[in-house]
Amino acid sequence: MAKTIGNPVSWAARNLGATSDHIAESVNSLGSADTRKLPAVRDLTMQDLRECLKAGGRDFLETRADAVFVVLIYPIAGLLMFGLGLDRNMIPLLAPLVAGFALIGPVAAVGLYEISRTREKGGEAHWLDALSVFRSPSFGAILALGFYLVMLFLIWLMVAQSIYVRTLGPDLPESLGAFLNQTFTTGAGWTMILFGNAVGFLFALIALAVSVVSFPLLLDRKVGLPVAVVTSVRVLRQNPAVILGWGFIVVGMLILGAIPLLLGLIVVIPVLGHATWHLYRRAVA
């Protein structure tokens, strides 16, 4: 009997029920929220993105030792993830694993937002400032939002696995080389690429909408998770071209950072993290 691809993330579906009550409560809160009490959202331009990246680069240069210490775990985790993906059972999920890393990127950068926040106040930033997140009054909301993004990541893996099964599967590839050959030299392979990229874009858009400014907002102000999420969505709705441009910049920089064995993420993640803080400052009055 031919061996078929396993489902290493199927347990995620069982956890969705545990969060349904919290999600329903958040939706109800959003529906009844008085928009006059929500943070004001500003118009953005592409020039704002350039200025945010420059400011993020300055923050990184000023605190690079501390920033690198904070994010060093992520390239290591990425390499472990890549190594896991080389297992025959996981080869079809290798690309979705790497691509899906962008979905949980905002969670990885929370400590960097706190470092930029400390610098903005005129304090001397240290990597220990990243631990201040745990003392934040909004830590519970930050944790919940991070959990939602992780769940989105796991759902993406399940969907990507389903796309593989319906195109090239259900049998497992004999090797990584065989999988690549089948992917790029067959019609079914190109169907998987095109459909997978389209669905992946939708997942990325959801993650971008709910998290583009929500984590920095939760750190900076005493607001609840529903207010932070709806403010983030409003930033996207008011500045769709600019925020989508920001999303493509993030993806492009993550790809460049991943090329040299993911080691480039040691620089890319801090710059993007600090830049996201400055984007939040420009986007939310």
C-alpha atoms as a PDB file:
ATOM      1  CA  MET A   1       0.000   0.000   0.000  1.00  0.00           C
ATOM      2  CA  ALA A   2       1.354   3.423  -0.944  1.00  0.00           C
ATOM      3  CA  LYS A   3       2.237   5.618   1.975  1.00  0.00           C
ATOM      4  CA  THR A   4       0.267   8.853   2.098  1.00  0.00           C
ATOM      5  CA  ILE A   5       1.125  12.167   3.667  1.00  0.00           C
ATOM      6  CA  GLY A   6       0.497  12.420   7.367  1.00  0.00           C
ATOM      7  CA  ASN A   7      -1.369  15.201   9.117  1.00  0.00           C
ATOM      8  CA  PRO A   8       1.009  16.605  11.756  1.00  0.00           C
ATOM      9  CA  VAL A   9      -1.222  19.596  12.427  1.00  0.00           C
ATOM     10  CA  SER A  10      -4.631  17.910  12.545  1.00  0.00           C
ATOM     11  CA  TRP A  11      -4.767  18.424  16.289  1.00  0.00           C
ATOM     12  CA  ALA A  12      -5.151  22.159  15.612  1.00  0.00           C
ATOM     13  CA  ALA A  13      -8.713  21.630  14.486  1.00  0.00           C
ATOM     14  CA  ARG A  14      -9.588  20.240  17.906  1.00  0.00           C
ATOM     15  CA  ASN A  15      -8.279  23.400  19.539  1.00  0.00           C
ATOM     16  CA  LEU A  16     -10.459  25.700  17.468  1.00  0.00           C
ATOM     17  CA  GLY A  17     -13.470  24.904  19.617  1.00  0.00           C
ATOM     18  CA  ALA A  18     -11.600  25.993  22.730  1.00  0.00           C
ATOM     19  CA  THR A  19     -11.165  29.487  21.306  1.00  0.00           C
ATOM     20  CA  SER A  20     -14.614  29.882  19.743  1.00  0.00           C
ATOM     21  CA  ASP A  21     -16.111  31.528  22.831  1.00  0.00           C
ATOM     22  CA  HIS A  22     -13.297  34.093  22.997  1.00  0.00           C
ATOM     23  CA  ILE A  23     -13.604  34.827  19.285  1.00  0.00           C
ATOM     24  CA  ALA A  24     -17.384  35.240  19.567  1.00  0.00           C
ATOM     25  CA  GLU A  25     -16.947  37.623  22.479  1.00  0.00           C
ATOM     26  CA  SER A  26     -14.445  39.680  20.488  1.00  0.00           C
ATOM     27  CA  VAL A  27     -16.763  39.837  17.476  1.00  0.00           C
ATOM     28  CA  ASN A  28     -19.666  40.978  19.630  1.00  0.00           C
ATOM     29  CA  SER A  29     -17.471  43.642  21.211  1.00  0.00           C
ATOM     30  CA  LEU A  30     -16.384  44.856  17.786  1.00  0.00           C
ATOM     31  CA  GLY A  31     -19.944  45.025  16.575  1.00  0.00           C
ATOM     32  CA  SER A  32     -21.050  47.137  19.521  1.00  0.00           C
ATOM     33  CA  ALA A  33     -17.941  49.357  19.668  1.00  0.00           C
ATOM     34  CA  ASP A  34     -18.468  53.109  19.452  1.00  0.00           C
ATOM     35  CA  THR A  35     -16.185  54.227  16.610  1.00  0.00           C
ATOM     36  CA  ARG A  36     -15.808  57.621  18.303  1.00  0.00           C
ATOM     37  CA  LYS A  37     -13.908  55.886  21.105  1.00  0.00           C
ATOM     38  CA  LEU A  38     -11.514  54.110  18.762  1.00  0.00           C
ATOM     39  CA  PRO A  39      -8.016  55.503  18.107  1.00  0.00           C
ATOM     40  CA  ALA A  40      -7.914  57.897  15.164  1.00  0.00           C
ATOM     41  CA  VAL A  41      -6.317  56.518  12.005  1.00  0.00           C
ATOM     42  CA  ARG A  42      -4.139  58.657   9.730  1.00  0.00           C
ATOM     43  CA  ASP A  43      -3.621  58.616   5.977  1.00  0.00           C
ATOM     44  CA  LEU A  44      -0.306  57.086   4.907  1.00  0.00           C
ATOM     45  CA  THR A  45       1.882  57.392   1.824  1.00  0.00           C
ATOM     46  CA  MET A  46       4.665  55.294   0.333  1.00  0.00           C
ATOM     47  CA  GLN A  47       7.071  57.911   1.657  1.00  0.00           C
ATOM     48  CA  ASP A  48       5.931  56.959   5.158  1.00  0.00           C
ATOM     49  CA  LEU A  49       7.023  53.385   4.485  1.00  0.00           C
ATOM     50  CA  ARG A  50      10.459  54.564   3.374  1.00  0.00           C
ATOM     51  CA  GLU A  51      10.804  56.715   6.492  1.00  0.00           C
ATOM     52  CA  CYS A  52       9.690  53.833   8.711  1.00  0.00           C
ATOM     53  CA  LEU A  53      12.294  51.521   7.192  1.00  0.00           C
ATOM     54  CA  LYS A  54      14.986  54.167   7.681  1.00  0.00           C
ATOM     55  CA  ALA A  55      13.927  54.631  11.317  1.00  0.00           C
ATOM     56  CA  GLY A  56      13.873  50.859  11.795  1.00  0.00           C
ATOM     57  CA  GLY A  57      17.381  50.642  10.394  1.00  0.00           C
ATOM     58  CA  ARG A  58      18.574  53.372  12.775  1.00  0.00           C
ATOM     59  CA  ASP A  59      17.036  51.581  15.747  1.00  0.00           C
ATOM     60  CA  PHE A  60      18.744  48.367  14.696  1.00  0.00           C
ATOM     61  CA  LEU A  61      22.145  50.029  14.312  1.00  0.00           C
ATOM     62  CA  GLU A  62      21.807  51.649  17.734  1.00  0.00           C
ATOM     63  CA  THR A  63      20.711  48.454  19.479  1.00  0.00           C
ATOM     64  CA  ARG A  64      21.927  45.723  17.165  1.00  0.00           C
ATOM     65  CA  ALA A  65      23.563  43.611  19.880  1.00  0.00           C
ATOM     66  CA  ASP A  66      20.375  43.633  21.908  1.00  0.00           C
ATOM     67  CA  ALA A  67      18.114  43.198  18.887  1.00  0.00           C
ATOM     68  CA  VAL A  68      20.160  40.270  17.561  1.00  0.00           C
ATOM     69  CA  PHE A  69      19.997  38.624  20.990  1.00  0.00           C
ATOM     70  CA  VAL A  70      16.208  38.978  20.998  1.00  0.00           C
ATOM     71  CA  VAL A  71      15.678  37.475  17.530  1.00  0.00           C
ATOM     72  CA  LEU A  72      18.521  34.922  17.390  1.00  0.00           C
ATOM     73  CA  ILE A  73      16.090  32.169  18.334  1.00  0.00           C
ATOM     74  CA  TYR A  74      14.025  32.707  15.170  1.00  0.00           C
ATOM     75  CA  PRO A  75      16.662  31.756  12.563  1.00  0.00           C
ATOM     76  CA  ILE A  76      17.473  28.758  14.765  1.00  0.00           C
ATOM     77  CA  ALA A  77      13.802  27.819  14.910  1.00  0.00           C
ATOM     78  CA  GLY A  78      13.580  28.333  11.151  1.00  0.00           C
ATOM     79  CA  LEU A  79      16.512  25.997  10.505  1.00  0.00           C
ATOM     80  CA  LEU A  80      14.956  23.357  12.766  1.00  0.00           C
ATOM     81  CA  MET A  81      11.690  23.813  10.871  1.00  0.00           C
ATOM     82  CA  PHE A  82      13.548  23.430   7.572  1.00  0.00           C
ATOM     83  CA  GLY A  83      15.279  20.303   8.840  1.00  0.00           C
ATOM     84  CA  LEU A  84      11.924  18.874   9.872  1.00  0.00           C
ATOM     85  CA  GLY A  85      10.567  19.644   6.433  1.00  0.00           C
ATOM     86  CA  LEU A  86      13.272  17.495   4.789  1.00  0.00           C
ATOM     87  CA  ASP A  87      11.659  14.422   6.340  1.00  0.00           C
ATOM     88  CA  ARG A  88       9.793  12.518   3.632  1.00  0.00           C
ATOM     89  CA  ASN A  89       6.487  12.933   5.439  1.00  0.00           C
ATOM     90  CA  MET A  90       6.929  16.703   5.504  1.00  0.00           C
ATOM     91  CA  ILE A  91       8.489  17.491   2.108  1.00  0.00           C
ATOM     92  CA  PRO A  92       5.161  18.678   0.593  1.00  0.00           C
ATOM     93  CA  LEU A  93       4.789  21.082   3.523  1.00  0.00           C
ATOM     94  CA  LEU A  94       8.325  22.500   3.338  1.00  0.00           C
ATOM     95  CA  ALA A  95       7.396  25.574   1.271  1.00  0.00           C
ATOM     96  CA  PRO A  96       4.192  26.258   3.271  1.00  0.00           C
ATOM     97  CA  LEU A  97       6.204  25.990   6.499  1.00  0.00           C
ATOM     98  CA  VAL A  98       8.726  28.587   5.362  1.00  0.00           C
ATOM     99  CA  ALA A  99       6.101  30.855   3.764  1.00  0.00           C
ATOM    100  CA  GLY A 100       3.811  30.561   6.773  1.00  0.00           C
ATOM    101  CA  PHE A 101       6.579  31.850   8.999  1.00  0.00           C
ATOM    102  CA  ALA A 102       5.532  35.344   7.869  1.00  0.00           C
ATOM    103  CA  LEU A 103       2.096  34.792   9.429  1.00  0.00           C
ATOM    104  CA  ILE A 104       3.579  34.612  12.920  1.00  0.00           C
ATOM    105  CA  GLY A 105       6.260  37.230  12.280  1.00  0.00           C
ATOM    106  CA  PRO A 106       4.408  39.950  14.266  1.00  0.00           C
ATOM    107  CA  VAL A 107       4.524  37.709  17.339  1.00  0.00           C
ATOM    108  CA  ALA A 108       8.283  37.308  16.904  1.00  0.00           C
ATOM    109  CA  ALA A 109       8.772  41.085  16.889  1.00  0.00           C
ATOM    110  CA  VAL A 110       6.869  42.041  20.054  1.00  0.00           C
ATOM    111  CA  GLY A 111      10.059  42.445  22.081  1.00  0.00           C
ATOM    112  CA  LEU A 112      11.486  44.705  19.364  1.00  0.00           C
ATOM    113  CA  TYR A 113       8.462  46.996  19.582  1.00  0.00           C
ATOM    114  CA  GLU A 114       9.192  47.422  23.279  1.00  0.00           C
ATOM    115  CA  ILE A 115      12.834  48.288  22.567  1.00  0.00           C
ATOM    116  CA  SER A 116      11.766  50.964  20.047  1.00  0.00           C
ATOM    117  CA  ARG A 117       9.216  52.239  22.539  1.00  0.00           C
ATOM    118  CA  THR A 118      11.931  52.607  25.189  1.00  0.00           C
ATOM    119  CA  ARG A 119      14.196  54.471  22.751  1.00  0.00           C
ATOM    120  CA  GLU A 120      11.353  56.774  21.800  1.00  0.00           C
ATOM    121  CA  LYS A 121      10.946  57.747  25.445  1.00  0.00           C
ATOM    122  CA  GLY A 122      14.608  58.693  25.588  1.00  0.00           C
ATOM    123  CA  GLY A 123      15.699  55.699  27.632  1.00  0.00           C
ATOM    124  CA  GLU A 124      18.754  53.551  26.996  1.00  0.00           C
ATOM    125  CA  ALA A 125      17.495  50.411  25.286  1.00  0.00           C
ATOM    126  CA  HIS A 126      18.676  46.991  26.457  1.00  0.00           C
ATOM    127  CA  TRP A 127      17.611  43.517  25.421  1.00  0.00           C
ATOM    128  CA  LEU A 128      16.034  43.094  28.857  1.00  0.00           C
ATOM    129  CA  ASP A 129      13.526  45.772  27.827  1.00  0.00           C
ATOM    130  CA  ALA A 130      11.986  43.137  25.578  1.00  0.00           C
ATOM    131  CA  LEU A 131      10.975  41.243  28.710  1.00  0.00           C
ATOM    132  CA  SER A 132       8.867  44.217  29.785  1.00  0.00           C
ATOM    133  CA  VAL A 133       6.201  42.788  27.507  1.00  0.00           C
ATOM    134  CA  PHE A 134       5.443  40.246  30.228  1.00  0.00           C
ATOM    135  CA  ARG A 135       4.614  43.069  32.648  1.00  0.00           C
ATOM    136  CA  SER A 136       2.386  44.910  30.187  1.00  0.00           C
ATOM    137  CA  PRO A 137      -1.255  45.369  31.288  1.00  0.00           C
ATOM    138  CA  SER A 138      -2.194  44.112  27.823  1.00  0.00           C
ATOM    139  CA  PHE A 139      -0.060  40.962  28.002  1.00  0.00           C
ATOM    140  CA  GLY A 140      -3.136  38.734  28.087  1.00  0.00           C
ATOM    141  CA  ALA A 141      -4.492  40.346  24.924  1.00  0.00           C
ATOM    142  CA  ILE A 142      -1.059  40.112  23.253  1.00  0.00           C
ATOM    143  CA  LEU A 143      -0.912  36.422  24.153  1.00  0.00           C
ATOM    144  CA  ALA A 144      -4.425  35.826  22.798  1.00  0.00           C
ATOM    145  CA  LEU A 145      -3.676  37.599  19.506  1.00  0.00           C
ATOM    146  CA  GLY A 146      -0.437  35.657  19.182  1.00  0.00           C
ATOM    147  CA  PHE A 147      -2.365  32.442  19.748  1.00  0.00           C
ATOM    148  CA  TYR A 148      -4.832  33.372  17.004  1.00  0.00           C
ATOM    149  CA  LEU A 149      -1.965  33.955  14.545  1.00  0.00           C
ATOM    150  CA  VAL A 150      -0.404  30.612  15.470  1.00  0.00           C
ATOM    151  CA  MET A 151      -3.757  28.933  14.874  1.00  0.00           C
ATOM    152  CA  LEU A 152      -3.990  30.717  11.511  1.00  0.00           C
ATOM    153  CA  PHE A 153      -0.533  29.344  10.691  1.00  0.00           C
ATOM    154  CA  LEU A 154      -1.620  25.801  11.557  1.00  0.00           C
ATOM    155  CA  ILE A 155      -4.835  26.102   9.557  1.00  0.00           C
ATOM    156  CA  TRP A 156      -2.736  27.307   6.611  1.00  0.00           C
ATOM    157  CA  LEU A 157      -0.621  24.150   6.889  1.00  0.00           C
ATOM    158  CA  MET A 158      -3.739  21.975   6.845  1.00  0.00           C
ATOM    159  CA  VAL A 159      -5.071  23.814   3.783  1.00  0.00           C
ATOM    160  CA  ALA A 160      -1.687  23.564   2.037  1.00  0.00           C
ATOM    161  CA  GLN A 161      -1.616  19.841   2.751  1.00  0.00           C
ATOM    162  CA  SER A 162      -5.103  19.483   1.279  1.00  0.00           C
ATOM    163  CA  ILE A 163      -4.014  21.353  -1.866  1.00  0.00           C
ATOM    164  CA  TYR A 164      -1.070  18.962  -2.261  1.00  0.00           C
ATOM    165  CA  VAL A 165      -3.265  15.888  -1.830  1.00  0.00           C
ATOM    166  CA  ARG A 166      -5.726  17.139  -4.470  1.00  0.00           C
ATOM    167  CA  THR A 167      -3.015  17.976  -6.997  1.00  0.00           C
ATOM    168  CA  LEU A 168       0.160  15.888  -6.637  1.00  0.00           C
ATOM    169  CA  GLY A 169      -0.885  13.529  -3.833  1.00  0.00           C
ATOM    170  CA  PRO A 170      -1.864  11.550  -1.971  1.00  0.00           C
ATOM    171  CA  ASP A 171       1.363   9.522  -2.313  1.00  0.00           C
ATOM    172  CA  LEU A 172       4.470  10.967  -0.745  1.00  0.00           C
ATOM    173  CA  PRO A 173       7.400  11.983  -2.974  1.00  0.00           C
ATOM    174  CA  GLU A 174      10.420   9.699  -2.899  1.00  0.00           C
ATOM    175  CA  SER A 175      12.800  12.612  -2.253  1.00  0.00           C
ATOM    176  CA  LEU A 176      13.052  16.384  -2.294  1.00  0.00           C
ATOM    177  CA  GLY A 177      14.489  16.262  -5.818  1.00  0.00           C
ATOM    178  CA  ALA A 178      11.614  14.109  -7.056  1.00  0.00           C
ATOM    179  CA  PHE A 179       9.119  16.477  -5.466  1.00  0.00           C
ATOM    180  CA  LEU A 180      10.715  19.534  -7.102  1.00  0.00           C
ATOM    181  CA  ASN A 181      10.801  17.806 -10.471  1.00  0.00           C
ATOM    182  CA  GLN A 182       7.143  16.833 -10.190  1.00  0.00           C
ATOM    183  CA  THR A 183       6.206  20.333  -9.048  1.00  0.00           C
ATOM    184  CA  PHE A 184       7.896  22.283 -11.838  1.00  0.00           C
ATOM    185  CA  THR A 185       7.515  19.881 -14.776  1.00  0.00           C
ATOM    186  CA  THR A 186       3.877  18.791 -14.546  1.00  0.00           C
ATOM    187  CA  GLY A 187       0.568  20.539 -15.029  1.00  0.00           C
ATOM    188  CA  ALA A 188      -0.606  19.315 -11.626  1.00  0.00           C
ATOM    189  CA  GLY A 189       2.503  20.819 -10.058  1.00  0.00           C
ATOM    190  CA  TRP A 190       1.855  24.229 -11.571  1.00  0.00           C
ATOM    191  CA  THR A 191      -1.784  24.005 -10.513  1.00  0.00           C
ATOM    192  CA  MET A 192      -0.574  23.429  -6.964  1.00  0.00           C
ATOM    193  CA  ILE A 193       1.801  26.403  -7.186  1.00  0.00           C
ATOM    194  CA  LEU A 194      -0.788  28.814  -8.556  1.00  0.00           C
ATOM    195  CA  PHE A 195      -3.648  27.718  -6.325  1.00  0.00           C
ATOM    196  CA  GLY A 196      -1.389  27.492  -3.271  1.00  0.00           C
ATOM    197  CA  ASN A 197      -0.047  31.008  -3.832  1.00  0.00           C
ATOM    198  CA  ALA A 198      -3.563  32.399  -4.269  1.00  0.00           C
ATOM    199  CA  VAL A 199      -4.817  30.796  -1.065  1.00  0.00           C
ATOM    200  CA  GLY A 200      -1.617  31.738   0.752  1.00  0.00           C
ATOM    201  CA  PHE A 201      -2.149  35.362  -0.269  1.00  0.00           C
ATOM    202  CA  LEU A 202      -5.581  35.297   1.405  1.00  0.00           C
ATOM    203  CA  PHE A 203      -4.072  33.947   4.632  1.00  0.00           C
ATOM    204  CA  ALA A 204      -1.343  36.591   4.510  1.00  0.00           C
ATOM    205  CA  LEU A 205      -3.940  39.307   3.937  1.00  0.00           C
ATOM    206  CA  ILE A 206      -5.902  38.189   6.993  1.00  0.00           C
ATOM    207  CA  ALA A 207      -2.756  38.185   9.135  1.00  0.00           C
ATOM    208  CA  LEU A 208      -1.746  41.613   7.805  1.00  0.00           C
ATOM    209  CA  ALA A 209      -5.197  43.089   8.454  1.00  0.00           C
ATOM    210  CA  VAL A 210      -5.413  41.979  12.084  1.00  0.00           C
ATOM    211  CA  SER A 211      -1.798  42.566  13.090  1.00  0.00           C
ATOM    212  CA  VAL A 212      -0.298  45.467  11.119  1.00  0.00           C
ATOM    213  CA  VAL A 213      -0.572  47.826  14.122  1.00  0.00           C
ATOM    214  CA  SER A 214      -2.410  45.777  16.753  1.00  0.00           C
ATOM    215  CA  PHE A 215       0.608  44.482  18.691  1.00  0.00           C
ATOM    216  CA  PRO A 216       2.288  47.920  19.016  1.00  0.00           C
ATOM    217  CA  LEU A 217      -1.087  49.444  19.943  1.00  0.00           C
ATOM    218  CA  LEU A 218      -1.614  46.899  22.718  1.00  0.00           C
ATOM    219  CA  LEU A 219       1.855  47.629  24.071  1.00  0.00           C
ATOM    220  CA  ASP A 220       1.409  51.383  23.900  1.00  0.00           C
ATOM    221  CA  ARG A 221      -2.120  51.875  25.218  1.00  0.00           C
ATOM    222  CA  LYS A 222      -4.594  50.257  27.558  1.00  0.00           C
ATOM    223  CA  VAL A 223      -6.982  48.990  24.915  1.00  0.00           C
ATOM    224  CA  GLY A 224      -8.623  45.617  24.558  1.00  0.00           C
ATOM    225  CA  LEU A 225      -7.975  43.044  21.880  1.00  0.00           C
ATOM    226  CA  PRO A 226     -11.147  43.924  19.884  1.00  0.00           C
ATOM    227  CA  VAL A 227     -10.175  47.614  19.744  1.00  0.00           C
ATOM    228  CA  ALA A 228      -6.618  46.768  18.677  1.00  0.00           C
ATOM    229  CA  VAL A 229      -7.799  44.432  15.913  1.00  0.00           C
ATOM    230  CA  VAL A 230     -10.491  46.752  14.560  1.00  0.00           C
ATOM    231  CA  THR A 231      -7.998  49.650  14.554  1.00  0.00           C
ATOM    232  CA  SER A 232      -5.553  47.522  12.583  1.00  0.00           C
ATOM    233  CA  VAL A 233      -8.267  46.632  10.062  1.00  0.00           C
ATOM    234  CA  ARG A 234      -9.224  50.330   9.781  1.00  0.00           C
ATOM    235  CA  VAL A 235      -5.621  51.226   8.980  1.00  0.00           C
ATOM    236  CA  LEU A 236      -5.723  48.734   6.105  1.00  0.00           C
ATOM    237  CA  ARG A 237      -9.112  49.929   4.872  1.00  0.00           C
ATOM    238  CA  GLN A 238      -8.057  53.584   4.937  1.00  0.00           C
ATOM    239  CA  ASN A 239      -4.666  52.932   3.321  1.00  0.00           C
ATOM    240  CA  PRO A 240      -5.091  49.757   1.225  1.00  0.00           C
ATOM    241  CA  ALA A 241      -2.361  50.437  -1.343  1.00  0.00           C
ATOM    242  CA  VAL A 242       0.205  51.518   1.264  1.00  0.00           C
ATOM    243  CA  ILE A 243      -0.464  48.643   3.667  1.00  0.00           C
ATOM    244  CA  LEU A 244      -0.458  46.085   0.869  1.00  0.00           C
ATOM    245  CA  GLY A 245       2.816  47.639  -0.238  1.00  0.00           C
ATOM    246  CA  TRP A 246       4.099  47.174   3.303  1.00  0.00           C
ATOM    247  CA  GLY A 247       3.032  43.540   3.182  1.00  0.00           C
ATOM    248  CA  PHE A 248       4.978  42.952  -0.032  1.00  0.00           C
ATOM    249  CA  ILE A 249       8.023  44.699   1.477  1.00  0.00           C
ATOM    250  CA  VAL A 250       7.851  42.411   4.511  1.00  0.00           C
ATOM    251  CA  VAL A 251       7.545  39.274   2.363  1.00  0.00           C
ATOM    252  CA  GLY A 252      10.361  40.404   0.058  1.00  0.00           C
ATOM    253  CA  MET A 253      12.724  41.146   2.936  1.00  0.00           C
ATOM    254  CA  LEU A 254      11.897  37.852   4.652  1.00  0.00           C
ATOM    255  CA  ILE A 255      12.668  35.980   1.421  1.00  0.00           C
ATOM    256  CA  LEU A 256      16.009  37.787   1.101  1.00  0.00           C
ATOM    257  CA  GLY A 257      16.761  37.066   4.751  1.00  0.00           C
ATOM    258  CA  ALA A 258      15.921  33.385   4.304  1.00  0.00           C
ATOM    259  CA  ILE A 259      18.217  32.804   1.324  1.00  0.00           C
ATOM    260  CA  PRO A 260      21.525  32.539   3.265  1.00  0.00           C
ATOM    261  CA  LEU A 261      20.352  29.611   5.450  1.00  0.00           C
ATOM    262  CA  LEU A 262      17.893  31.934   7.220  1.00  0.00           C
ATOM    263  CA  LEU A 263      20.804  33.784   8.815  1.00  0.00           C
ATOM    264  CA  GLY A 264      19.756  37.013   7.138  1.00  0.00           C
ATOM    265  CA  LEU A 265      16.728  37.005   9.434  1.00  0.00           C
ATOM    266  CA  ILE A 266      19.083  38.127  12.216  1.00  0.00           C
ATOM    267  CA  VAL A 267      19.124  41.508  10.467  1.00  0.00           C
ATOM    268  CA  VAL A 268      15.791  41.488   8.623  1.00  0.00           C
ATOM    269  CA  ILE A 269      13.521  40.724  11.585  1.00  0.00           C
ATOM    270  CA  PRO A 270      14.930  43.505  13.830  1.00  0.00           C
ATOM    271  CA  VAL A 271      14.734  46.096  11.032  1.00  0.00           C
ATOM    272  CA  LEU A 272      11.149  45.097  10.192  1.00  0.00           C
ATOM    273  CA  GLY A 273      10.193  44.930  13.854  1.00  0.00           C
ATOM    274  CA  HIS A 274      11.490  48.413  14.650  1.00  0.00           C
ATOM    275  CA  ALA A 275      10.027  49.752  11.392  1.00  0.00           C
ATOM    276  CA  THR A 276       6.611  48.339  12.333  1.00  0.00           C
ATOM    277  CA  TRP A 277       6.686  50.348  15.554  1.00  0.00           C
ATOM    278  CA  HIS A 278       7.344  53.531  13.579  1.00  0.00           C
ATOM    279  CA  LEU A 279       4.598  52.564  11.104  1.00  0.00           C
ATOM    280  CA  TYR A 280       2.189  52.272  14.020  1.00  0.00           C
ATOM    281  CA  ARG A 281       3.216  55.747  15.236  1.00  0.00           C
ATOM    282  CA  ARG A 282       2.507  57.222  11.810  1.00  0.00           C
ATOM    283  CA  ALA A 283      -0.730  55.290  11.269  1.00  0.00           C
ATOM    284  CA  VAL A 284      -2.455  55.821  14.630  1.00  0.00           C
ATOM    285  CA  ALA A 285      -2.945  59.319  16.012  1.00  0.00           C
END
